C-alpha cells in the first residue's frame, strides 16, 4: 500500500498528526486510518474513506465513554482516554475534519 498525503485530523485548534490516507491497488480502495485510536476504514473514493473515518472516530468515542470501565482499564485501550475526552468535548461544538 503506497501512502499518499497524510491529512491531519483537527478538533478546533487541536490537531492529531499521523492520520493516514492511502490507496490500496489490490482492493482498489482508499484506506483512512487513525493509528492513535487503532481505527481504519476503506472507501471507493478518498472523500468516502475520510468521512467514514470521522464517523468511526465519533462512534468509537461514544462507545468508549458508554463503557468507560471496560475500555479505560484495558491495557491496549486505556491510553486512548485523553484523546477520547478531547473528541467528546468537541463533538457537537466543532466539526471533526480530516
N, C-alpha and C. Protein backbone atom coordinates (compact mmCIF):
# COMPACT_ATOMS: atom_id res chain seq x y z
N UNK A 1 0.84 -1.16 0.00
CA UNK A 1 0.00 0.00 0.00
C UNK A 1 0.90 1.24 0.00
N UNK A 2 0.73 2.10 -0.97
CA UNK A 2 1.50 3.34 -1.05
C UNK A 2 0.77 4.44 -0.31
N UNK A 3 1.47 5.07 0.61
CA UNK A 3 0.85 6.18 1.35
C UNK A 3 0.87 7.42 0.47
N UNK A 4 -0.24 8.16 0.53
CA UNK A 4 -0.26 9.46 -0.12
C UNK A 4 -0.40 10.50 0.98
N UNK A 5 -0.60 11.72 0.62
CA UNK A 5 -0.63 12.81 1.58
C UNK A 5 -1.38 12.43 2.85
N UNK A 6 -0.74 12.55 4.00
CA UNK A 6 -1.35 12.23 5.29
C UNK A 6 -2.10 13.45 5.82
N UNK A 7 -3.42 13.40 5.84
CA UNK A 7 -4.16 14.54 6.35
C UNK A 7 -4.04 14.63 7.87
N UNK A 8 -4.46 15.74 8.41
CA UNK A 8 -4.42 15.97 9.84
C UNK A 8 -5.84 16.08 10.35
N UNK A 9 -6.14 15.32 11.37
CA UNK A 9 -7.46 15.38 11.98
C UNK A 9 -7.47 16.58 12.92
N UNK A 10 -8.43 17.48 12.73
CA UNK A 10 -8.46 18.71 13.51
C UNK A 10 -9.70 18.76 14.40
N UNK A 11 -9.50 19.21 15.59
CA UNK A 11 -10.59 19.45 16.53
C UNK A 11 -10.44 20.89 16.97
N UNK A 12 -11.11 21.83 16.33
CA UNK A 12 -10.91 23.23 16.66
C UNK A 12 -9.45 23.59 16.43
N UNK A 13 -8.74 23.91 17.51
CA UNK A 13 -7.33 24.26 17.38
C UNK A 13 -6.40 23.09 17.67
N UNK A 14 -6.94 21.96 18.12
CA UNK A 14 -6.11 20.81 18.45
C UNK A 14 -5.97 19.93 17.22
N UNK A 15 -4.76 19.52 16.94
CA UNK A 15 -4.52 18.68 15.76
C UNK A 15 -3.86 17.37 16.18
N UNK A 16 -4.32 16.30 15.59
CA UNK A 16 -3.73 15.00 15.83
C UNK A 16 -3.01 14.59 14.55
N UNK A 17 -1.68 14.65 14.53
CA UNK A 17 -0.97 14.24 13.33
C UNK A 17 -0.99 12.71 13.20
N UNK A 18 -0.46 12.22 12.14
CA UNK A 18 -0.26 10.78 11.91
C UNK A 18 -1.48 10.06 11.35
N UNK A 19 -2.55 10.77 11.04
CA UNK A 19 -3.65 10.10 10.35
C UNK A 19 -3.17 9.82 8.94
N UNK A 20 -3.65 8.74 8.40
CA UNK A 20 -3.13 8.29 7.11
C UNK A 20 -4.25 8.11 6.10
N UNK A 21 -3.93 8.39 4.87
CA UNK A 21 -4.83 8.12 3.76
C UNK A 21 -3.98 7.47 2.68
N UNK A 22 -4.35 6.27 2.27
CA UNK A 22 -3.56 5.53 1.30
C UNK A 22 -4.48 4.84 0.30
N UNK A 23 -3.94 4.59 -0.88
CA UNK A 23 -4.68 3.85 -1.90
C UNK A 23 -4.13 2.44 -1.96
N UNK A 24 -5.02 1.46 -1.88
CA UNK A 24 -4.62 0.06 -1.96
C UNK A 24 -4.93 -0.45 -3.36
N UNK A 25 -3.91 -0.65 -4.19
CA UNK A 25 -4.16 -1.07 -5.58
C UNK A 25 -4.75 -2.48 -5.68
N UNK A 26 -4.57 -3.29 -4.66
CA UNK A 26 -5.13 -4.65 -4.70
C UNK A 26 -6.64 -4.64 -4.56
N UNK A 27 -7.16 -3.79 -3.67
CA UNK A 27 -8.61 -3.74 -3.46
C UNK A 27 -9.26 -2.59 -4.21
N UNK A 28 -8.42 -1.71 -4.78
CA UNK A 28 -8.90 -0.52 -5.49
C UNK A 28 -9.73 0.37 -4.57
N UNK A 29 -9.29 0.49 -3.32
CA UNK A 29 -9.97 1.33 -2.35
C UNK A 29 -8.97 2.22 -1.63
N UNK A 30 -9.50 3.31 -1.08
CA UNK A 30 -8.71 4.19 -0.24
C UNK A 30 -8.90 3.75 1.21
N UNK A 31 -7.82 3.75 1.94
CA UNK A 31 -7.85 3.37 3.34
C UNK A 31 -7.47 4.60 4.16
N UNK A 32 -8.35 4.97 5.08
CA UNK A 32 -8.08 6.09 6.00
C UNK A 32 -7.90 5.47 7.39
N UNK A 33 -6.85 5.92 8.09
CA UNK A 33 -6.55 5.33 9.39
C UNK A 33 -6.20 6.40 10.42
N UNK A 34 -6.55 6.10 11.65
CA UNK A 34 -6.18 6.92 12.80
C UNK A 34 -5.42 5.99 13.74
N UNK A 35 -4.10 5.90 13.59
CA UNK A 35 -3.32 4.97 14.40
C UNK A 35 -3.42 5.23 15.90
N UNK A 36 -3.62 6.48 16.30
CA UNK A 36 -3.71 6.80 17.73
C UNK A 36 -4.88 6.09 18.40
N UNK A 37 -5.93 5.77 17.63
CA UNK A 37 -7.10 5.08 18.16
C UNK A 37 -7.26 3.68 17.59
N UNK A 38 -6.29 3.23 16.84
CA UNK A 38 -6.34 1.90 16.21
C UNK A 38 -7.58 1.72 15.35
N UNK A 39 -7.91 2.75 14.56
CA UNK A 39 -9.08 2.69 13.69
C UNK A 39 -8.65 2.82 12.23
N UNK A 40 -9.34 2.09 11.37
CA UNK A 40 -9.10 2.19 9.93
C UNK A 40 -10.39 1.84 9.20
N UNK A 41 -10.62 2.51 8.09
CA UNK A 41 -11.79 2.26 7.25
C UNK A 41 -11.36 2.32 5.79
N UNK A 42 -12.20 1.79 4.92
CA UNK A 42 -11.91 1.81 3.49
C UNK A 42 -13.11 2.36 2.73
N UNK A 43 -12.83 2.99 1.60
CA UNK A 43 -13.89 3.52 0.76
C UNK A 43 -13.44 3.56 -0.69
N UNK A 44 -14.40 3.64 -1.59
CA UNK A 44 -14.09 3.67 -3.02
C UNK A 44 -13.47 5.00 -3.45
N UNK A 45 -13.79 6.07 -2.71
CA UNK A 45 -13.25 7.40 -3.01
C UNK A 45 -12.53 7.93 -1.77
N UNK A 46 -11.59 8.86 -1.98
CA UNK A 46 -10.88 9.47 -0.85
C UNK A 46 -11.86 10.09 0.14
N UNK A 47 -12.81 10.87 -0.39
CA UNK A 47 -13.75 11.57 0.46
C UNK A 47 -14.57 10.61 1.29
N UNK A 48 -14.97 9.51 0.68
CA UNK A 48 -15.76 8.50 1.38
C UNK A 48 -14.97 7.89 2.53
N UNK A 49 -13.71 7.57 2.29
CA UNK A 49 -12.86 6.99 3.33
C UNK A 49 -12.67 7.98 4.48
N UNK A 50 -12.44 9.24 4.16
CA UNK A 50 -12.24 10.26 5.19
C UNK A 50 -13.51 10.46 6.00
N UNK A 51 -14.65 10.58 5.32
CA UNK A 51 -15.92 10.76 6.03
C UNK A 51 -16.22 9.56 6.92
N UNK A 52 -15.94 8.36 6.42
CA UNK A 52 -16.18 7.16 7.22
C UNK A 52 -15.25 7.09 8.43
N UNK A 53 -14.03 7.58 8.29
CA UNK A 53 -13.12 7.60 9.43
C UNK A 53 -13.61 8.58 10.49
N UNK A 54 -14.08 9.73 10.09
CA UNK A 54 -14.62 10.70 11.05
C UNK A 54 -15.78 10.07 11.81
N UNK A 55 -16.68 9.39 11.10
CA UNK A 55 -17.81 8.73 11.75
C UNK A 55 -17.33 7.61 12.68
N UNK A 56 -16.34 6.85 12.27
CA UNK A 56 -15.80 5.78 13.11
C UNK A 56 -15.20 6.34 14.39
N UNK A 57 -14.52 7.47 14.28
CA UNK A 57 -13.93 8.12 15.46
C UNK A 57 -15.03 8.57 16.41
N UNK A 58 -16.07 9.19 15.88
CA UNK A 58 -17.18 9.64 16.72
C UNK A 58 -17.85 8.46 17.42
N UNK A 59 -18.12 7.40 16.68
CA UNK A 59 -18.77 6.22 17.24
C UNK A 59 -17.89 5.54 18.29
N UNK A 60 -16.59 5.46 18.03
CA UNK A 60 -15.68 4.85 18.99
C UNK A 60 -15.64 5.67 20.27
N UNK A 61 -15.58 6.99 20.16
CA UNK A 61 -15.55 7.85 21.33
C UNK A 61 -16.82 7.67 22.17
N UNK A 62 -17.96 7.60 21.51
CA UNK A 62 -19.22 7.42 22.22
C UNK A 62 -19.24 6.05 22.91
N UNK A 63 -18.85 5.00 22.21
CA UNK A 63 -18.82 3.66 22.78
C UNK A 63 -17.84 3.58 23.95
N UNK A 64 -16.69 4.20 23.79
CA UNK A 64 -15.66 4.22 24.84
C UNK A 64 -16.24 4.83 26.11
N UNK A 65 -16.90 5.97 25.99
CA UNK A 65 -17.43 6.65 27.16
C UNK A 65 -18.61 5.90 27.79
N UNK A 66 -19.39 5.22 26.97
CA UNK A 66 -20.50 4.43 27.49
C UNK A 66 -20.01 3.21 28.26
N UNK A 67 -18.85 2.70 27.89
CA UNK A 67 -18.27 1.52 28.56
C UNK A 67 -16.89 1.86 29.11
N UNK A 68 -16.82 2.99 29.79
CA UNK A 68 -15.56 3.54 30.28
C UNK A 68 -14.76 2.55 31.13
N UNK A 69 -15.41 1.85 32.03
CA UNK A 69 -14.70 0.90 32.89
C UNK A 69 -13.99 -0.18 32.07
N UNK A 70 -14.66 -0.67 31.05
CA UNK A 70 -14.08 -1.71 30.20
C UNK A 70 -12.89 -1.18 29.41
N UNK A 71 -13.07 -0.06 28.74
CA UNK A 71 -12.02 0.47 27.87
C UNK A 71 -10.85 1.09 28.64
N UNK A 72 -11.15 1.92 29.64
CA UNK A 72 -10.08 2.62 30.36
C UNK A 72 -9.19 1.65 31.12
N UNK A 73 -9.75 0.52 31.54
CA UNK A 73 -8.96 -0.47 32.26
C UNK A 73 -8.21 -1.45 31.36
N UNK A 74 -8.43 -1.36 30.07
CA UNK A 74 -7.79 -2.27 29.12
C UNK A 74 -6.40 -1.76 28.76
N UNK A 75 -5.38 -2.62 28.85
CA UNK A 75 -4.02 -2.14 28.55
C UNK A 75 -3.84 -1.62 27.12
N UNK A 76 -4.62 -2.09 26.18
CA UNK A 76 -4.50 -1.64 24.79
C UNK A 76 -5.32 -0.39 24.50
N UNK A 77 -6.31 -0.11 25.31
CA UNK A 77 -7.24 0.99 25.03
C UNK A 77 -7.18 2.10 26.08
N UNK A 78 -6.62 1.84 27.23
CA UNK A 78 -6.59 2.82 28.30
C UNK A 78 -5.91 4.13 27.91
N UNK A 79 -4.88 4.04 27.10
CA UNK A 79 -4.15 5.24 26.68
C UNK A 79 -4.97 6.13 25.76
N UNK A 80 -6.08 5.65 25.25
CA UNK A 80 -6.93 6.44 24.36
C UNK A 80 -7.75 7.48 25.13
N UNK A 81 -7.88 7.32 26.44
CA UNK A 81 -8.80 8.16 27.22
C UNK A 81 -8.59 9.66 27.02
N UNK A 82 -7.38 10.21 27.10
CA UNK A 82 -7.24 11.66 26.91
C UNK A 82 -7.76 12.13 25.54
N UNK A 83 -7.49 11.37 24.51
CA UNK A 83 -7.97 11.73 23.18
C UNK A 83 -9.48 11.59 23.08
N UNK A 84 -10.02 10.55 23.69
CA UNK A 84 -11.48 10.35 23.69
C UNK A 84 -12.17 11.52 24.39
N UNK A 85 -11.62 11.97 25.51
CA UNK A 85 -12.21 13.11 26.22
C UNK A 85 -12.15 14.37 25.38
N UNK A 86 -11.05 14.56 24.65
CA UNK A 86 -10.94 15.71 23.77
C UNK A 86 -11.98 15.64 22.66
N UNK A 87 -12.12 14.49 22.06
CA UNK A 87 -13.11 14.31 20.98
C UNK A 87 -14.51 14.56 21.52
N UNK A 88 -14.81 14.00 22.69
CA UNK A 88 -16.14 14.17 23.27
C UNK A 88 -16.43 15.63 23.57
N UNK A 89 -15.42 16.39 23.95
CA UNK A 89 -15.64 17.80 24.26
C UNK A 89 -15.87 18.63 23.00
N UNK A 90 -15.45 18.13 21.87
CA UNK A 90 -15.57 18.88 20.61
C UNK A 90 -16.77 18.48 19.78
N UNK A 91 -17.22 17.24 19.90
CA UNK A 91 -18.35 16.78 19.10
C UNK A 91 -19.57 17.61 19.46
N UNK A 92 -20.20 18.14 18.46
CA UNK A 92 -21.39 18.97 18.68
C UNK A 92 -21.06 20.46 18.69
N UNK A 93 -19.83 20.82 19.03
CA UNK A 93 -19.48 22.23 19.03
C UNK A 93 -18.55 22.56 17.87
N UNK A 94 -17.71 21.63 17.49
CA UNK A 94 -16.78 21.81 16.37
C UNK A 94 -16.92 20.59 15.45
N UNK A 95 -16.94 20.79 14.16
CA UNK A 95 -16.96 19.63 13.27
C UNK A 95 -15.64 18.89 13.33
N UNK A 96 -15.69 17.60 13.21
CA UNK A 96 -14.47 16.81 13.12
C UNK A 96 -14.08 16.75 11.65
N UNK A 97 -12.89 17.18 11.35
CA UNK A 97 -12.42 17.26 9.97
C UNK A 97 -11.12 16.53 9.80
N UNK A 98 -10.89 16.01 8.63
CA UNK A 98 -9.58 15.45 8.28
C UNK A 98 -8.92 16.43 7.38
